[in-house]
Amino acid sequence: MDEELTRQERDVLALERRGWAGPGAKERAIREELGMAPVRYYQLLNALLDAPRALAHDPVTVNRLRRIRAARRAER
């Protein structure tokens, strides 16, 4: 059972699947819907991208975010 995501982890991935209308909308949703600070959200998301169980749960979203992260790291 330790291979399953927590409710919070599933919610983070679900939030990442959505499109965002403008700047600030995503951060507002993070605070209002998940009840956490954006900094904590992004820490959790980054850890999730390295978790095989997250990849198993939502491969499309996780792979897309991994590509974006790799591209940003390559720019540095």
Protein backbone atom coordinates (compact mmCIF):
# COMPACT_ATOMS: atom_id res chain seq x y z
CA MET A 1 0.00 0.00 0.00
CA ASP A 2 2.95 2.36 0.40
CA GLU A 3 2.97 2.68 -3.39
CA GLU A 4 -0.20 4.78 -3.36
CA LEU A 5 -0.18 8.56 -3.29
CA THR A 6 -1.63 10.46 -0.37
CA ARG A 7 -4.71 12.60 -0.91
CA GLN A 8 -2.53 15.72 -0.81
CA GLU A 9 -0.13 14.30 -3.41
CA ARG A 10 -3.04 13.40 -5.73
CA ASP A 11 -4.45 16.91 -5.26
CA VAL A 12 -1.09 18.48 -6.20
CA LEU A 13 -0.94 16.46 -9.42
CA ALA A 14 -4.57 17.29 -10.19
CA LEU A 15 -3.84 21.00 -9.78
CA GLU A 16 -0.90 20.68 -12.19
CA ARG A 17 -3.18 19.20 -14.88
CA ARG A 18 -5.29 22.35 -14.99
CA GLY A 19 -4.71 25.38 -17.19
CA TRP A 20 -4.27 28.79 -15.62
CA ALA A 21 -5.89 31.99 -16.87
CA GLY A 22 -3.33 34.47 -15.63
CA PRO A 23 -0.55 35.24 -13.20
CA GLY A 24 -1.48 34.63 -9.60
CA ALA A 25 -4.41 32.32 -10.37
CA LYS A 26 -2.41 29.15 -9.67
CA GLU A 27 -0.91 30.51 -6.45
CA ARG A 28 -4.37 31.57 -5.27
CA ALA A 29 -5.72 28.07 -6.00
CA ILE A 30 -2.81 26.51 -4.11
CA ARG A 31 -3.67 28.59 -1.04
CA GLU A 32 -7.45 28.31 -1.26
CA GLU A 33 -7.92 24.73 -2.45
CA LEU A 34 -4.95 22.98 -0.88
CA GLY A 35 -4.44 25.25 2.12
CA MET A 36 -0.68 25.46 1.74
CA ALA A 37 1.91 28.06 0.87
CA PRO A 38 3.10 28.04 -2.74
CA VAL A 39 6.69 27.42 -1.59
CA ARG A 40 5.60 24.23 0.22
CA TYR A 41 3.52 23.21 -2.80
CA TYR A 42 6.48 23.46 -5.15
CA GLN A 43 8.72 21.56 -2.71
CA LEU A 44 6.18 18.74 -2.59
CA LEU A 45 5.69 18.81 -6.37
CA ASN A 46 9.42 18.61 -7.02
CA ALA A 47 9.75 15.60 -4.71
CA LEU A 48 6.75 13.98 -6.42
CA LEU A 49 8.41 14.26 -9.83
CA ASP A 50 11.12 11.89 -8.60
CA ALA A 51 8.68 9.39 -7.07
CA PRO A 52 7.94 6.26 -9.14
CA ARG A 53 4.47 6.05 -7.54
CA ALA A 54 3.62 9.51 -8.89
CA LEU A 55 4.73 8.43 -12.36
CA ALA A 56 2.55 5.32 -12.07
CA HIS A 57 -0.44 7.44 -10.96
CA ASP A 58 -0.23 10.13 -13.65
CA PRO A 59 2.48 9.45 -16.24
CA VAL A 60 1.41 12.18 -18.68
CA THR A 61 1.54 14.99 -16.12
CA VAL A 62 4.69 13.75 -14.38
CA ASN A 63 6.60 13.28 -17.64
CA ARG A 64 5.52 16.72 -18.90
CA LEU A 65 6.68 18.35 -15.67
CA ARG A 66 9.95 16.40 -15.70
CA ARG A 67 10.66 17.70 -19.22
CA ILE A 68 9.95 21.28 -18.14
CA ARG A 69 12.18 20.90 -15.08
CA ALA A 70 15.01 19.42 -17.15
CA ALA A 71 14.76 22.25 -19.69
CA ARG A 72 14.92 24.89 -16.94
CA ARG A 73 17.93 23.20 -15.37
CA ALA A 74 19.67 23.08 -18.74
CA GLU A 75 19.16 26.84 -19.17
CA ARG A 76 21.11 27.60 -15.99
